[in-house]
All heavy atoms as atom14 arrays in JSON, in Angstrom:
{
  "sequence": "DTGGKEVKTGNIDNHNIAKYHIIPTLKKKRITKIDHLIIT",
  "atom14_mask": [
    [1, 1, 1, 1, 1, 1, 1, 1, 0, 0, 0, 0, 0, 0],
    [1, 1, 1, 1, 1, 1, 1, 0, 0, 0, 0, 0, 0, 0],
    [1, 1, 1, 1, 0, 0, 0, 0, 0, 0, 0, 0, 0, 0],
    [1, 1, 1, 1, 0, 0, 0, 0, 0, 0, 0, 0, 0, 0],
    [1, 1, 1, 1, 1, 1, 1, 1, 1, 0, 0, 0, 0, 0],
    [1, 1, 1, 1, 1, 1, 1, 1, 1, 0, 0, 0, 0, 0],
    [1, 1, 1, 1, 1, 1, 1, 0, 0, 0, 0, 0, 0, 0],
    [1, 1, 1, 1, 1, 1, 1, 1, 1, 0, 0, 0, 0, 0],
    [1, 1, 1, 1, 1, 1, 1, 0, 0, 0, 0, 0, 0, 0],
    [1, 1, 1, 1, 0, 0, 0, 0, 0, 0, 0, 0, 0, 0],
    [1, 1, 1, 1, 1, 1, 1, 1, 0, 0, 0, 0, 0, 0],
    [1, 1, 1, 1, 1, 1, 1, 1, 0, 0, 0, 0, 0, 0],
    [1, 1, 1, 1, 1, 1, 1, 1, 0, 0, 0, 0, 0, 0],
    [1, 1, 1, 1, 1, 1, 1, 1, 0, 0, 0, 0, 0, 0],
    [1, 1, 1, 1, 1, 1, 1, 1, 1, 1, 0, 0, 0, 0],
    [1, 1, 1, 1, 1, 1, 1, 1, 0, 0, 0, 0, 0, 0],
    [1, 1, 1, 1, 1, 1, 1, 1, 0, 0, 0, 0, 0, 0],
    [1, 1, 1, 1, 1, 0, 0, 0, 0, 0, 0, 0, 0, 0],
    [1, 1, 1, 1, 1, 1, 1, 1, 1, 0, 0, 0, 0, 0],
    [1, 1, 1, 1, 1, 1, 1, 1, 1, 1, 1, 1, 0, 0],
    [1, 1, 1, 1, 1, 1, 1, 1, 1, 1, 0, 0, 0, 0],
    [1, 1, 1, 1, 1, 1, 1, 1, 0, 0, 0, 0, 0, 0],
    [1, 1, 1, 1, 1, 1, 1, 1, 0, 0, 0, 0, 0, 0],
    [1, 1, 1, 1, 1, 1, 1, 0, 0, 0, 0, 0, 0, 0],
    [1, 1, 1, 1, 1, 1, 1, 0, 0, 0, 0, 0, 0, 0],
    [1, 1, 1, 1, 1, 1, 1, 1, 0, 0, 0, 0, 0, 0],
    [1, 1, 1, 1, 1, 1, 1, 1, 1, 0, 0, 0, 0, 0],
    [1, 1, 1, 1, 1, 1, 1, 1, 1, 0, 0, 0, 0, 0],
    [1, 1, 1, 1, 1, 1, 1, 1, 1, 0, 0, 0, 0, 0],
    [1, 1, 1, 1, 1, 1, 1, 1, 1, 1, 1, 0, 0, 0],
    [1, 1, 1, 1, 1, 1, 1, 1, 0, 0, 0, 0, 0, 0],
    [1, 1, 1, 1, 1, 1, 1, 0, 0, 0, 0, 0, 0, 0],
    [1, 1, 1, 1, 1, 1, 1, 1, 1, 0, 0, 0, 0, 0],
    [1, 1, 1, 1, 1, 1, 1, 1, 0, 0, 0, 0, 0, 0],
    [1, 1, 1, 1, 1, 1, 1, 1, 0, 0, 0, 0, 0, 0],
    [1, 1, 1, 1, 1, 1, 1, 1, 1, 1, 0, 0, 0, 0],
    [1, 1, 1, 1, 1, 1, 1, 1, 0, 0, 0, 0, 0, 0],
    [1, 1, 1, 1, 1, 1, 1, 1, 0, 0, 0, 0, 0, 0],
    [1, 1, 1, 1, 1, 1, 1, 1, 0, 0, 0, 0, 0, 0],
    [1, 1, 1, 1, 1, 1, 1, 0, 0, 0, 0, 0, 0, 0]
  ],
  "atom14_positions": [
    [[0.83, -1.23, 0.06], [-0.04, -0.04, -0.01], [0.91, 1.22, 0.0], [2.04, 1.28, 0.3], [-0.94, 0.0, 1.17], [-2.08, -1.01, 1.01], [-2.39, -1.42, -0.09], [-2.71, -1.43, 1.95], [0.0, 0.0, 0.0], [0.0, 0.0, 0.0], [0.0, 0.0, 0.0], [0.0, 0.0, 0.0], [0.0, 0.0, 0.0], [0.0, 0.0, 0.0]],
    [[0.2, 2.43, -0.43], [0.94, 3.63, -0.47], [0.49, 4.64, 0.41], [0.94, 5.75, 0.51], [0.86, 4.18, -1.97], [-0.48, 4.45, -2.29], [1.4, 3.18, -2.9], [0.0, 0.0, 0.0], [0.0, 0.0, 0.0], [0.0, 0.0, 0.0], [0.0, 0.0, 0.0], [0.0, 0.0, 0.0], [0.0, 0.0, 0.0], [0.0, 0.0, 0.0]],
    [[-0.7, 4.38, 1.06], [-1.36, 5.43, 1.85], [-1.99, 6.45, 0.97], [-2.1, 6.27, -0.25], [0.0, 0.0, 0.0], [0.0, 0.0, 0.0], [0.0, 0.0, 0.0], [0.0, 0.0, 0.0], [0.0, 0.0, 0.0], [0.0, 0.0, 0.0], [0.0, 0.0, 0.0], [0.0, 0.0, 0.0], [0.0, 0.0, 0.0], [0.0, 0.0, 0.0]],
    [[-2.6, 7.48, 1.62], [-3.24, 8.45, 0.77], [-4.51, 8.93, 1.6], [-4.82, 8.5, 2.59], [0.0, 0.0, 0.0], [0.0, 0.0, 0.0], [0.0, 0.0, 0.0], [0.0, 0.0, 0.0], [0.0, 0.0, 0.0], [0.0, 0.0, 0.0], [0.0, 0.0, 0.0], [0.0, 0.0, 0.0], [0.0, 0.0, 0.0], [0.0, 0.0, 0.0]],
    [[-5.13, 9.91, 0.91], [-6.4, 10.37, 1.58], [-7.49, 10.67, 0.45], [-7.14, 10.83, -0.68], [-6.21, 11.57, 2.42], [-5.6, 12.72, 1.66], [-5.27, 13.98, 2.58], [-4.57, 15.08, 1.8], [-4.21, 16.22, 2.67], [0.0, 0.0, 0.0], [0.0, 0.0, 0.0], [0.0, 0.0, 0.0], [0.0, 0.0, 0.0], [0.0, 0.0, 0.0]],
    [[-8.7, 10.62, 0.91], [-9.82, 10.86, -0.03], [-9.71, 12.3, -0.45], [-9.64, 13.21, 0.29], [-11.11, 10.52, 0.71], [-12.29, 10.36, -0.22], [-12.21, 9.12, -1.02], [-11.86, 8.05, -0.4], [-12.52, 9.06, -2.15], [0.0, 0.0, 0.0], [0.0, 0.0, 0.0], [0.0, 0.0, 0.0], [0.0, 0.0, 0.0], [0.0, 0.0, 0.0]],
    [[-9.77, 12.43, -1.88], [-9.81, 13.82, -2.43], [-11.3, 14.16, -2.85], [-11.84, 13.42, -3.53], [-8.9, 13.79, -3.65], [-8.97, 15.25, -4.3], [-7.47, 13.49, -3.33], [0.0, 0.0, 0.0], [0.0, 0.0, 0.0], [0.0, 0.0, 0.0], [0.0, 0.0, 0.0], [0.0, 0.0, 0.0], [0.0, 0.0, 0.0], [0.0, 0.0, 0.0]],
    [[-11.74, 15.29, -2.24], [-13.07, 15.64, -2.62], [-13.09, 16.16, -3.95], [-12.17, 16.67, -4.59], [-13.56, 16.79, -1.59], [-13.61, 16.34, -0.14], [-13.89, 17.4, 0.78], [-13.92, 16.82, 2.19], [-13.83, 17.88, 3.18], [0.0, 0.0, 0.0], [0.0, 0.0, 0.0], [0.0, 0.0, 0.0], [0.0, 0.0, 0.0], [0.0, 0.0, 0.0]],
    [[-14.37, 16.02, -4.61], [-14.53, 16.49, -5.95], [-14.16, 17.94, -6.14], [-14.56, 18.85, -5.38], [-15.97, 16.32, -6.41], [-16.37, 15.01, -6.09], [-16.2, 16.58, -7.87], [0.0, 0.0, 0.0], [0.0, 0.0, 0.0], [0.0, 0.0, 0.0], [0.0, 0.0, 0.0], [0.0, 0.0, 0.0], [0.0, 0.0, 0.0], [0.0, 0.0, 0.0]],
    [[-13.34, 18.16, -7.16], [-12.83, 19.56, -7.4], [-11.61, 19.95, -6.78], [-10.97, 20.95, -7.17], [0.0, 0.0, 0.0], [0.0, 0.0, 0.0], [0.0, 0.0, 0.0], [0.0, 0.0, 0.0], [0.0, 0.0, 0.0], [0.0, 0.0, 0.0], [0.0, 0.0, 0.0], [0.0, 0.0, 0.0], [0.0, 0.0, 0.0], [0.0, 0.0, 0.0]],
    [[-11.15, 19.23, -5.75], [-9.83, 19.48, -5.09], [-8.74, 18.75, -5.77], [-8.97, 17.66, -6.48], [-9.91, 18.97, -3.65], [-10.8, 19.85, -2.8], [-11.22, 20.99, -3.28], [-11.07, 19.44, -1.59], [0.0, 0.0, 0.0], [0.0, 0.0, 0.0], [0.0, 0.0, 0.0], [0.0, 0.0, 0.0], [0.0, 0.0, 0.0], [0.0, 0.0, 0.0]],
    [[-7.56, 19.22, -5.67], [-6.44, 18.58, -6.3], [-5.64, 17.9, -5.16], [-5.27, 18.54, -4.11], [-5.51, 19.66, -7.09], [-6.34, 20.24, -8.18], [-4.26, 18.94, -7.49], [-5.63, 21.29, -8.89], [0.0, 0.0, 0.0], [0.0, 0.0, 0.0], [0.0, 0.0, 0.0], [0.0, 0.0, 0.0], [0.0, 0.0, 0.0], [0.0, 0.0, 0.0]],
    [[-5.27, 16.56, -5.38], [-4.47, 15.9, -4.27], [-3.08, 16.47, -4.39], [-2.41, 16.59, -5.38], [-4.47, 14.42, -4.56], [-3.98, 13.63, -3.5], [-3.56, 14.21, -2.41], [-3.9, 12.4, -3.52], [0.0, 0.0, 0.0], [0.0, 0.0, 0.0], [0.0, 0.0, 0.0], [0.0, 0.0, 0.0], [0.0, 0.0, 0.0], [0.0, 0.0, 0.0]],
    [[-2.52, 16.82, -3.23], [-1.19, 17.47, -3.16], [-0.09, 16.36, -2.73], [1.0, 16.67, -2.79], [-1.18, 18.51, -2.14], [-1.65, 18.11, -0.74], [-1.66, 16.85, -0.42], [-2.05, 19.07, 0.1], [0.0, 0.0, 0.0], [0.0, 0.0, 0.0], [0.0, 0.0, 0.0], [0.0, 0.0, 0.0], [0.0, 0.0, 0.0], [0.0, 0.0, 0.0]],
    [[-0.48, 15.16, -2.51], [0.38, 14.03, -2.28], [1.46, 14.31, -1.17], [2.61, 13.91, -1.31], [1.16, 13.62, -3.6], [0.24, 13.05, -4.65], [-0.45, 11.92, -4.47], [-0.16, 13.62, -5.81], [-1.18, 11.65, -5.5], [-1.09, 12.72, -6.39], [0.0, 0.0, 0.0], [0.0, 0.0, 0.0], [0.0, 0.0, 0.0], [0.0, 0.0, 0.0]],
    [[0.93, 15.07, -0.13], [1.93, 15.3, 1.0], [2.45, 14.15, 1.68], [3.64, 14.2, 2.12], [1.17, 16.35, 1.97], [1.05, 17.77, 1.52], [1.86, 18.12, 0.68], [0.16, 18.42, 2.1], [0.0, 0.0, 0.0], [0.0, 0.0, 0.0], [0.0, 0.0, 0.0], [0.0, 0.0, 0.0], [0.0, 0.0, 0.0], [0.0, 0.0, 0.0]],
    [[1.68, 13.2, 1.77], [2.2, 11.9, 2.46], [3.35, 11.4, 1.79], [4.39, 11.02, 2.36], [1.03, 10.86, 2.53], [-0.16, 11.43, 3.46], [1.58, 9.54, 3.09], [-1.4, 10.61, 3.51], [0.0, 0.0, 0.0], [0.0, 0.0, 0.0], [0.0, 0.0, 0.0], [0.0, 0.0, 0.0], [0.0, 0.0, 0.0], [0.0, 0.0, 0.0]],
    [[3.18, 11.18, 0.41], [4.41, 10.58, -0.36], [5.47, 11.66, -0.39], [6.71, 11.2, -0.25], [4.02, 10.17, -1.79], [0.0, 0.0, 0.0], [0.0, 0.0, 0.0], [0.0, 0.0, 0.0], [0.0, 0.0, 0.0], [0.0, 0.0, 0.0], [0.0, 0.0, 0.0], [0.0, 0.0, 0.0], [0.0, 0.0, 0.0], [0.0, 0.0, 0.0]],
    [[5.18, 12.98, -0.64], [6.17, 14.01, -0.83], [7.04, 14.23, 0.43], [8.29, 14.34, 0.41], [5.51, 15.24, -1.23], [6.48, 16.32, -1.67], [5.73, 17.74, -1.96], [4.76, 17.43, -3.07], [4.06, 18.77, -3.4], [0.0, 0.0, 0.0], [0.0, 0.0, 0.0], [0.0, 0.0, 0.0], [0.0, 0.0, 0.0], [0.0, 0.0, 0.0]],
    [[6.4, 14.19, 1.68], [7.11, 14.51, 2.88], [7.35, 13.37, 3.83], [8.06, 13.61, 4.82], [6.23, 15.55, 3.66], [6.14, 16.79, 2.82], [4.93, 17.26, 2.33], [7.25, 17.65, 2.49], [4.82, 18.44, 1.59], [7.15, 18.72, 1.67], [5.94, 19.18, 1.34], [5.83, 20.29, 0.53], [0.0, 0.0, 0.0], [0.0, 0.0, 0.0]],
    [[6.8, 12.21, 3.52], [7.07, 11.08, 4.43], [7.63, 9.86, 3.71], [8.78, 9.42, 4.13], [5.78, 10.65, 5.12], [5.21, 11.75, 6.06], [5.85, 12.21, 7.17], [4.09, 12.37, 5.91], [5.15, 13.05, 7.74], [3.99, 13.28, 7.02], [0.0, 0.0, 0.0], [0.0, 0.0, 0.0], [0.0, 0.0, 0.0], [0.0, 0.0, 0.0]],
    [[7.02, 9.38, 2.63], [7.42, 8.15, 2.03], [8.72, 8.41, 1.26], [9.71, 7.62, 1.42], [6.3, 7.59, 1.22], [5.16, 7.16, 2.1], [6.79, 6.37, 0.33], [3.89, 6.64, 1.37], [0.0, 0.0, 0.0], [0.0, 0.0, 0.0], [0.0, 0.0, 0.0], [0.0, 0.0, 0.0], [0.0, 0.0, 0.0], [0.0, 0.0, 0.0]],
    [[8.76, 9.22, 0.23], [9.88, 9.52, -0.68], [11.14, 9.83, 0.21], [12.22, 9.25, -0.07], [9.51, 10.53, -1.69], [8.42, 9.91, -2.66], [10.75, 10.84, -2.47], [8.73, 8.74, -3.45], [0.0, 0.0, 0.0], [0.0, 0.0, 0.0], [0.0, 0.0, 0.0], [0.0, 0.0, 0.0], [0.0, 0.0, 0.0], [0.0, 0.0, 0.0]],
    [[11.04, 10.73, 1.14], [12.26, 11.04, 1.97], [12.83, 9.88, 2.72], [14.03, 9.63, 2.83], [11.85, 12.19, 2.86], [10.71, 12.82, 2.16], [10.02, 11.74, 1.36], [0.0, 0.0, 0.0], [0.0, 0.0, 0.0], [0.0, 0.0, 0.0], [0.0, 0.0, 0.0], [0.0, 0.0, 0.0], [0.0, 0.0, 0.0], [0.0, 0.0, 0.0]],
    [[11.84, 9.02, 3.19], [12.3, 7.76, 4.0], [13.04, 6.89, 2.96], [14.06, 6.26, 3.36], [11.09, 7.09, 4.62], [10.52, 8.03, 5.59], [11.54, 5.93, 5.41], [0.0, 0.0, 0.0], [0.0, 0.0, 0.0], [0.0, 0.0, 0.0], [0.0, 0.0, 0.0], [0.0, 0.0, 0.0], [0.0, 0.0, 0.0], [0.0, 0.0, 0.0]],
    [[12.48, 6.71, 1.83], [13.09, 5.85, 0.81], [14.5, 6.31, 0.44], [15.42, 5.5, 0.32], [12.17, 5.64, -0.44], [10.88, 4.99, -0.16], [10.09, 5.03, -1.53], [10.98, 3.58, 0.27], [0.0, 0.0, 0.0], [0.0, 0.0, 0.0], [0.0, 0.0, 0.0], [0.0, 0.0, 0.0], [0.0, 0.0, 0.0], [0.0, 0.0, 0.0]],
    [[14.63, 7.55, 0.25], [15.84, 8.23, -0.06], [16.86, 8.05, 1.07], [18.01, 7.77, 0.76], [15.77, 9.7, -0.39], [15.15, 9.95, -1.81], [15.02, 11.36, -2.16], [14.44, 11.62, -3.48], [14.4, 13.06, -3.8], [0.0, 0.0, 0.0], [0.0, 0.0, 0.0], [0.0, 0.0, 0.0], [0.0, 0.0, 0.0], [0.0, 0.0, 0.0]],
    [[16.33, 8.11, 2.25], [17.28, 8.02, 3.43], [17.84, 6.54, 3.53], [18.94, 6.34, 3.88], [16.51, 8.39, 4.73], [17.33, 8.24, 5.98], [16.48, 8.64, 7.2], [17.29, 8.41, 8.5], [16.42, 8.75, 9.59], [0.0, 0.0, 0.0], [0.0, 0.0, 0.0], [0.0, 0.0, 0.0], [0.0, 0.0, 0.0], [0.0, 0.0, 0.0]],
    [[16.98, 5.58, 3.14], [17.27, 4.18, 3.17], [18.05, 3.71, 1.9], [18.3, 2.63, 1.61], [16.11, 3.35, 3.34], [15.47, 3.45, 4.81], [14.27, 2.58, 4.87], [13.95, 2.44, 6.33], [14.8, 1.59, 7.16], [0.0, 0.0, 0.0], [0.0, 0.0, 0.0], [0.0, 0.0, 0.0], [0.0, 0.0, 0.0], [0.0, 0.0, 0.0]],
    [[18.19, 4.79, 1.07], [18.9, 4.57, -0.28], [18.15, 3.55, -1.11], [18.77, 2.74, -1.9], [20.29, 4.18, -0.04], [21.17, 5.24, 0.71], [22.44, 4.93, 0.91], [23.09, 5.13, -0.48], [24.45, 5.05, -0.66], [25.29, 4.76, 0.37], [24.93, 5.25, -1.86], [0.0, 0.0, 0.0], [0.0, 0.0, 0.0], [0.0, 0.0, 0.0]],
    [[16.88, 3.62, -1.13], [16.01, 2.84, -1.94], [15.71, 3.53, -3.23], [15.12, 4.56, -3.2], [14.69, 2.33, -1.21], [15.08, 1.49, 0.07], [13.87, 1.64, -2.15], [13.94, 1.21, 0.9], [0.0, 0.0, 0.0], [0.0, 0.0, 0.0], [0.0, 0.0, 0.0], [0.0, 0.0, 0.0], [0.0, 0.0, 0.0], [0.0, 0.0, 0.0]],
    [[16.19, 2.93, -4.34], [15.9, 3.61, -5.62], [14.86, 2.92, -6.45], [14.53, 3.49, -7.49], [17.25, 3.67, -6.5], [17.66, 2.38, -6.66], [18.27, 4.53, -5.68], [0.0, 0.0, 0.0], [0.0, 0.0, 0.0], [0.0, 0.0, 0.0], [0.0, 0.0, 0.0], [0.0, 0.0, 0.0], [0.0, 0.0, 0.0], [0.0, 0.0, 0.0]],
    [[14.41, 1.82, -6.03], [13.44, 1.06, -6.79], [12.64, 0.28, -5.78], [13.06, -0.19, -4.73], [14.01, 0.2, -7.84], [14.75, -1.03, -7.23], [15.32, -1.87, -8.37], [16.3, -2.96, -7.93], [16.03, -3.61, -6.63], [0.0, 0.0, 0.0], [0.0, 0.0, 0.0], [0.0, 0.0, 0.0], [0.0, 0.0, 0.0], [0.0, 0.0, 0.0]],
    [[11.39, -0.05, -6.25], [10.52, -0.95, -5.49], [10.27, -2.16, -6.39], [9.75, -2.0, -7.52], [9.14, -0.31, -5.09], [9.38, 0.85, -4.22], [8.22, -1.28, -4.49], [8.22, 1.77, -3.98], [0.0, 0.0, 0.0], [0.0, 0.0, 0.0], [0.0, 0.0, 0.0], [0.0, 0.0, 0.0], [0.0, 0.0, 0.0], [0.0, 0.0, 0.0]],
    [[10.74, -3.35, -5.87], [10.63, -4.56, -6.68], [9.15, -5.03, -6.78], [8.77, -5.48, -7.84], [11.57, -5.64, -6.1], [13.03, -5.27, -6.21], [13.45, -5.01, -7.33], [13.61, -5.19, -5.11], [0.0, 0.0, 0.0], [0.0, 0.0, 0.0], [0.0, 0.0, 0.0], [0.0, 0.0, 0.0], [0.0, 0.0, 0.0], [0.0, 0.0, 0.0]],
    [[8.47, -4.98, -5.69], [7.09, -5.47, -5.66], [6.24, -4.49, -4.83], [6.53, -4.28, -3.74], [6.99, -6.84, -5.0], [7.96, -7.84, -5.53], [7.66, -8.54, -6.75], [9.18, -8.24, -5.17], [8.77, -9.32, -7.02], [9.61, -9.25, -6.06], [0.0, 0.0, 0.0], [0.0, 0.0, 0.0], [0.0, 0.0, 0.0], [0.0, 0.0, 0.0]],
    [[5.29, -3.89, -5.55], [4.23, -3.07, -4.84], [2.95, -3.75, -4.77], [2.39, -4.12, -5.83], [4.12, -1.63, -5.51], [3.1, -0.8, -4.98], [3.31, -0.46, -3.47], [3.05, 0.52, -5.79], [0.0, 0.0, 0.0], [0.0, 0.0, 0.0], [0.0, 0.0, 0.0], [0.0, 0.0, 0.0], [0.0, 0.0, 0.0], [0.0, 0.0, 0.0]],
    [[2.47, -4.01, -3.65], [1.16, -4.75, -3.36], [0.18, -3.79, -2.93], [0.32, -3.09, -1.94], [1.32, -5.87, -2.38], [2.41, -6.81, -2.9], [-0.07, -6.62, -2.21], [2.9, -7.86, -1.71], [0.0, 0.0, 0.0], [0.0, 0.0, 0.0], [0.0, 0.0, 0.0], [0.0, 0.0, 0.0], [0.0, 0.0, 0.0], [0.0, 0.0, 0.0]],
    [[-0.91, -3.59, -3.63], [-2.05, -2.78, -3.27], [-3.24, -3.66, -2.85], [-3.72, -4.4, -3.69], [-2.53, -1.79, -4.4], [-1.39, -0.97, -5.02], [-3.72, -0.99, -4.05], [-0.84, 0.04, -4.02], [0.0, 0.0, 0.0], [0.0, 0.0, 0.0], [0.0, 0.0, 0.0], [0.0, 0.0, 0.0], [0.0, 0.0, 0.0], [0.0, 0.0, 0.0]],
    [[-3.52, -3.63, -1.52], [-4.49, -4.52, -1.03], [-5.96, -4.3, -1.56], [-6.73, -5.26, -1.82], [-4.49, -4.44, 0.54], [-4.73, -3.09, 0.94], [-3.13, -4.94, 1.1], [0.0, 0.0, 0.0], [0.0, 0.0, 0.0], [0.0, 0.0, 0.0], [0.0, 0.0, 0.0], [0.0, 0.0, 0.0], [0.0, 0.0, 0.0], [0.0, 0.0, 0.0]]
  ]
}
């Protein structure tokens, strides 16, 4: 899973969760690829 939040009609998703939490953590761990992404 990737996390996320419900976007109301007319609003634009800003992807703050990925931008400020997930991607920085992946960079910190030096992860440059995801071999398997499972969306439940």
